[in-house]
Amino acid sequence: MLTLRQKVLILLGEYMLASLRPLGTTLRMLDGKNKDKTIHATLQRLGREGYVEKVTRGGKILFRVTTEGREEIATHPPRIKRQRWDSKWRIVVFDIPERRRKERNLLRERLKALGFGRLQDSVWLSPYDWKEKMEKIAQGRDLGEHVRILIGSCHGFQDNRELVNTVWDLEEIDQAYQKFIEDFSLKFKKMVKLSKASGSILKKGLYRLLLKELEESYAQILLRDPLLPQELLPRDWKGWEAQDFYQKWLQRLKRRCKQ
């Protein structure tokens, strides 16, 4: 599920320029919560990170996404293209004082969003090189002295696949992909029946609705998927089938929406 931080960034990317009020109204329409005070705090945090900036127009304070913010939006999802693995683990280790618990929790959120897996509360792993990104996140929150980035290999009592199963719940993600395929296969069968009995306007509305549902459902699984390299995944990984299924129906629905 998208965090408030991600929703604000994505919406600002659509608006180009927006004040607090329309942002708050739109977000509340989506999920029925999020007070202006909470949204404003999120905007301030995004500003400190360099992803959002304030602009004054006609005496009004507006917000817009920076170039760095647009790059950040592009990472949700997918965060990174799967690539061949160099057999090295990127390990983020941190020791943040209890008085800075809020920043510590925010750091964990960002690690999860990038696909890192939790080995211990303050030790997180990724097969991908996020060094520059992590340095920027740590410096943006003044945590540089508390965060270390290490590179290492797996030796000892577990091999790499066993380590992966310790850190990530791949079985749960695999089942989510399987359910995604089953649920939307049924939806598309119903779509064919409904489209035969519907007028052209209703058909387009149906196609747009299914397109939105397809994109959002797949995106929510991707946000939980660490997008591990093929070498670290099970041979019968449902993510590959789900990816092909998603791309096939995405293109079909887009074509039908244009007809």
Protein backbone atom coordinates (compact mmCIF):
# COMPACT_ATOMS: atom_id res chain seq x y z
CA MET A 1 0.00 0.00 0.00
CA LEU A 2 1.28 3.48 -0.84
CA THR A 3 2.46 5.57 2.09
CA LEU A 4 1.20 9.14 2.59
CA ARG A 5 4.67 10.31 1.55
CA GLN A 6 4.42 8.47 -1.78
CA LYS A 7 0.83 9.64 -2.40
CA VAL A 8 1.77 13.29 -1.83
CA LEU A 9 4.72 13.03 -4.23
CA ILE A 10 2.68 11.31 -6.94
CA LEU A 11 -0.20 13.80 -6.65
CA LEU A 12 2.17 16.77 -6.78
CA GLY A 13 3.70 15.23 -9.88
CA GLU A 14 0.23 15.31 -11.46
CA TYR A 15 -0.74 18.81 -10.25
CA MET A 16 2.61 20.44 -11.13
CA LEU A 17 1.73 23.23 -8.63
CA ALA A 18 -0.67 22.80 -5.71
CA SER A 19 -1.63 24.39 -2.43
CA LEU A 20 -2.28 22.40 0.73
CA ARG A 21 -6.09 22.48 0.39
CA PRO A 22 -6.59 20.59 -2.93
CA LEU A 23 -3.94 18.08 -1.88
CA GLY A 24 -5.77 17.43 1.38
CA THR A 25 -9.16 17.19 -0.33
CA THR A 26 -7.90 14.69 -2.92
CA LEU A 27 -6.13 12.53 -0.33
CA ARG A 28 -9.21 12.41 1.88
CA MET A 29 -11.34 11.38 -1.10
CA LEU A 30 -8.96 8.47 -1.66
CA ASP A 31 -8.99 7.01 1.85
CA GLY A 32 -11.16 9.19 4.07
CA LYS A 33 -8.36 10.32 6.39
CA ASN A 34 -5.18 12.44 6.47
CA LYS A 35 -5.59 15.82 8.18
CA ASP A 36 -4.07 18.98 6.68
CA LYS A 37 -1.65 19.11 9.63
CA THR A 38 -0.30 15.63 8.81
CA ILE A 39 -0.04 16.42 5.10
CA HIS A 40 1.78 19.69 5.86
CA ALA A 41 4.28 17.82 8.05
CA THR A 42 4.84 15.36 5.19
CA LEU A 43 5.41 18.25 2.75
CA GLN A 44 7.94 19.80 5.16
CA ARG A 45 9.81 16.50 5.43
CA LEU A 46 9.84 16.10 1.63
CA GLY A 47 11.16 19.67 1.43
CA ARG A 48 14.04 18.87 3.80
CA GLU A 49 14.88 15.85 1.65
CA GLY A 50 14.98 18.03 -1.47
CA TYR A 51 12.00 16.36 -3.18
CA VAL A 52 9.50 19.25 -2.86
CA GLU A 53 9.92 23.03 -2.91
CA LYS A 54 7.71 25.99 -1.97
CA VAL A 55 6.71 28.56 -4.57
CA THR A 56 4.86 31.85 -3.90
CA ARG A 57 2.37 32.89 -6.60
CA GLY A 58 -0.06 35.79 -6.13
CA GLY A 59 0.49 35.76 -2.38
CA LYS A 60 -0.31 32.03 -2.15
CA ILE A 61 2.14 29.38 -0.97
CA LEU A 62 2.24 26.49 -3.45
CA PHE A 63 4.26 23.29 -3.61
CA ARG A 64 5.89 21.51 -6.53
CA VAL A 65 8.05 18.46 -7.08
CA THR A 66 11.75 19.04 -7.76
CA THR A 67 13.84 17.13 -10.31
CA GLU A 68 15.04 14.90 -7.45
CA GLY A 69 11.40 14.36 -6.46
CA ARG A 70 10.51 13.17 -9.96
CA GLU A 71 13.40 10.72 -9.83
CA GLU A 72 12.05 9.50 -6.49
CA ILE A 73 8.53 9.03 -7.95
CA ALA A 74 10.05 6.94 -10.72
CA THR A 75 11.28 4.42 -8.14
CA HIS A 76 7.72 3.50 -7.02
CA PRO A 77 7.47 0.87 -8.57
CA PRO A 78 9.57 -0.71 -9.90
CA ARG A 79 12.48 0.47 -7.77
CA ILE A 80 15.14 -1.06 -9.99
CA LYS A 81 15.35 -3.30 -13.03
CA ARG A 82 16.33 -6.85 -12.15
CA GLN A 83 19.93 -7.44 -13.14
CA ARG A 84 22.61 -10.07 -12.80
CA TRP A 85 23.91 -10.26 -9.28
CA ASP A 86 27.58 -9.76 -8.39
CA SER A 87 27.18 -12.09 -5.34
CA LYS A 88 27.76 -9.17 -2.95
CA TRP A 89 25.32 -8.02 -0.29
CA ARG A 90 24.88 -4.33 0.54
CA ILE A 91 24.39 -4.10 4.29
CA VAL A 92 23.06 -1.03 6.07
CA VAL A 93 23.84 -0.93 9.78
CA PHE A 94 22.64 1.86 12.05
CA ASP A 95 22.73 2.80 15.71
CA ILE A 96 20.38 5.75 16.22
CA PRO A 97 19.73 7.08 19.76
CA GLU A 98 16.29 6.52 21.31
CA ARG A 99 15.72 10.29 21.46
CA ARG A 100 15.73 10.20 17.64
CA ARG A 101 13.30 7.33 17.38
CA LYS A 102 11.16 9.19 14.80
CA GLU A 103 14.09 9.50 12.38
CA ARG A 104 15.01 5.85 13.04
CA ASN A 105 11.51 4.71 12.10
CA LEU A 106 11.54 6.88 8.98
CA LEU A 107 14.86 5.35 7.96
CA ARG A 108 13.35 1.86 8.29
CA GLU A 109 10.43 2.98 6.09
CA ARG A 110 12.82 4.14 3.38
CA LEU A 111 14.80 0.90 3.58
CA LYS A 112 11.60 -1.10 3.10
CA ALA A 113 10.55 1.11 0.17
CA LEU A 114 13.90 0.41 -1.54
CA GLY A 115 13.41 -3.35 -1.10
CA PHE A 116 15.87 -3.91 1.75
CA GLY A 117 15.18 -6.89 3.99
CA ARG A 118 15.50 -6.89 7.79
CA LEU A 119 18.12 -9.27 9.16
CA GLN A 120 17.99 -7.63 12.60
CA ASP A 121 16.29 -4.44 13.81
CA SER A 122 19.31 -2.31 12.83
CA VAL A 123 20.82 -4.52 10.10
CA TRP A 124 19.24 -4.48 6.62
CA LEU A 125 20.27 -6.23 3.38
CA SER A 126 19.93 -5.65 -0.35
CA PRO A 127 21.62 -7.34 -3.34
CA TYR A 128 21.63 -3.97 -5.13
CA ASP A 129 23.98 -1.00 -4.85
CA TRP A 130 22.02 1.74 -3.11
CA LYS A 131 25.10 3.51 -1.72
CA GLU A 132 24.42 6.96 -3.24
CA LYS A 133 20.73 6.77 -2.39
CA MET A 134 21.38 5.73 1.22
CA GLU A 135 24.01 8.43 1.70
CA LYS A 136 21.52 11.03 0.48
CA ILE A 137 18.78 9.73 2.78
CA ALA A 138 21.11 9.64 5.80
CA GLN A 139 22.53 13.11 5.14
CA GLY A 140 19.07 14.55 4.48
CA ARG A 141 18.02 13.53 7.99
CA ASP A 142 21.37 14.36 9.62
CA LEU A 143 22.01 10.68 10.39
CA GLY A 144 25.37 10.33 8.67
CA GLU A 145 27.30 9.56 11.85
CA HIS A 146 24.80 6.84 12.84
CA VAL A 147 24.57 4.89 9.55
CA ARG A 148 27.14 2.56 7.96
CA ILE A 149 27.00 0.91 4.53
CA LEU A 150 28.98 -2.33 4.16
CA ILE A 151 29.56 -4.79 1.32
CA GLY A 152 29.93 -8.51 2.06
CA SER A 153 29.33 -12.12 1.10
CA CYS A 154 27.40 -14.90 2.80
CA HIS A 155 29.56 -17.46 4.62
CA GLY A 156 28.87 -19.87 7.45
CA PHE A 157 25.74 -21.81 8.32
CA GLN A 158 23.46 -20.44 5.58
CA ASP A 159 23.86 -20.13 1.83
CA ASN A 160 22.43 -17.18 -0.11
CA ARG A 161 19.02 -18.77 -0.78
CA GLU A 162 18.60 -19.70 2.88
CA LEU A 163 19.56 -16.17 3.86
CA VAL A 164 16.95 -14.79 1.46
CA ASN A 165 14.24 -16.97 3.02
CA THR A 166 15.27 -15.74 6.47
CA VAL A 167 15.09 -12.07 5.51
CA TRP A 168 12.12 -11.97 3.08
CA ASP A 169 8.80 -13.82 3.12
CA LEU A 170 8.98 -14.90 -0.51
CA GLU A 171 6.25 -17.52 -0.05
CA GLU A 172 3.73 -14.83 0.94
CA ILE A 173 4.72 -12.65 -2.05
CA ASP A 174 4.56 -15.66 -4.38
CA GLN A 175 1.02 -16.40 -3.17
CA ALA A 176 0.06 -12.74 -3.71
CA TYR A 177 1.20 -12.99 -7.36
CA GLN A 178 -0.78 -16.21 -7.80
CA LYS A 179 -3.91 -14.59 -6.34
CA PHE A 180 -3.41 -11.54 -8.59
CA ILE A 181 -3.42 -13.79 -11.67
CA GLU A 182 -6.47 -15.76 -10.50
CA ASP A 183 -8.49 -12.69 -9.45
CA PHE A 184 -7.90 -10.76 -12.66
CA SER A 185 -8.41 -13.80 -14.89
CA LEU A 186 -11.91 -13.99 -13.40
CA LYS A 187 -12.44 -10.22 -13.75
CA PHE A 188 -11.46 -10.32 -17.42
CA LYS A 189 -13.88 -13.20 -18.11
CA LYS A 190 -16.66 -11.10 -16.57
CA MET A 191 -15.47 -8.10 -18.58
CA VAL A 192 -15.96 -9.98 -21.85
CA LYS A 193 -19.55 -10.88 -20.90
CA LEU A 194 -20.39 -7.37 -19.69
CA SER A 195 -18.84 -5.65 -22.69
CA LYS A 196 -21.06 -7.64 -25.05
CA ALA A 197 -24.16 -6.40 -23.25
CA SER A 198 -23.01 -2.78 -22.68
CA GLY A 199 -23.10 0.37 -24.78
CA SER A 200 -19.88 1.96 -26.06
CA ILE A 201 -19.68 4.55 -23.24
CA LEU A 202 -20.17 1.91 -20.55
CA LYS A 203 -17.58 -0.29 -22.23
CA LYS A 204 -14.93 2.45 -22.07
CA GLY A 205 -15.78 3.11 -18.43
CA LEU A 206 -15.44 -0.59 -17.68
CA TYR A 207 -12.08 -0.79 -19.45
CA ARG A 208 -10.75 2.28 -17.60
CA LEU A 209 -11.90 0.91 -14.26
CA LEU A 210 -10.24 -2.45 -14.86
CA LEU A 211 -7.07 -0.74 -16.11
CA LYS A 212 -6.84 1.29 -12.89
CA GLU A 213 -7.52 -1.76 -10.72
CA LEU A 214 -4.93 -3.80 -12.63
CA GLU A 215 -2.24 -1.12 -12.26
CA GLU A 216 -2.91 -0.50 -8.56
CA SER A 217 -3.15 -4.18 -7.59
CA TYR A 218 0.10 -5.05 -9.37
CA ALA A 219 1.84 -1.97 -7.94
CA GLN A 220 0.88 -2.94 -4.39
CA ILE A 221 2.50 -6.37 -4.77
CA LEU A 222 5.60 -4.81 -6.34
CA LEU A 223 5.96 -2.55 -3.28
CA ARG A 224 6.22 -5.70 -1.11
CA ASP A 225 8.49 -7.52 -3.57
CA PRO A 226 12.23 -6.84 -3.04
CA LEU A 227 12.70 -7.54 -6.80
CA LEU A 228 15.57 -9.91 -6.11
CA PRO A 229 17.86 -11.06 -8.94
CA GLN A 230 16.83 -14.27 -10.69
CA GLU A 231 19.72 -16.16 -9.06
CA LEU A 232 18.11 -15.71 -5.63
CA LEU A 233 14.52 -16.65 -6.58
CA PRO A 234 12.79 -20.06 -6.68
CA ARG A 235 12.65 -21.68 -10.12
CA ASP A 236 8.83 -21.66 -10.11
CA TRP A 237 8.58 -18.00 -8.98
CA LYS A 238 5.07 -16.73 -9.81
CA GLY A 239 6.36 -13.19 -10.20
CA TRP A 240 7.52 -13.97 -13.75
CA GLU A 241 4.10 -15.28 -14.78
CA ALA A 242 2.39 -12.32 -13.10
CA GLN A 243 4.69 -9.89 -14.95
CA ASP A 244 3.80 -11.40 -18.34
CA PHE A 245 0.09 -11.50 -17.41
CA TYR A 246 0.18 -7.85 -16.29
CA GLN A 247 1.96 -6.60 -19.43
CA LYS A 248 -0.40 -8.51 -21.74
CA TRP A 249 -3.58 -7.14 -20.14
CA LEU A 250 -2.14 -3.67 -19.61
CA GLN A 251 -1.59 -3.29 -23.36
CA ARG A 252 -4.99 -4.81 -24.22
CA LEU A 253 -6.90 -2.51 -21.88
CA LYS A 254 -4.99 0.58 -23.03
CA ARG A 255 -5.89 -0.22 -26.65
CA ARG A 256 -9.55 -0.74 -25.75
CA CYS A 257 -9.67 2.53 -23.81
CA LYS A 258 -8.54 4.37 -26.97
CA GLN A 259 -11.12 2.71 -29.27
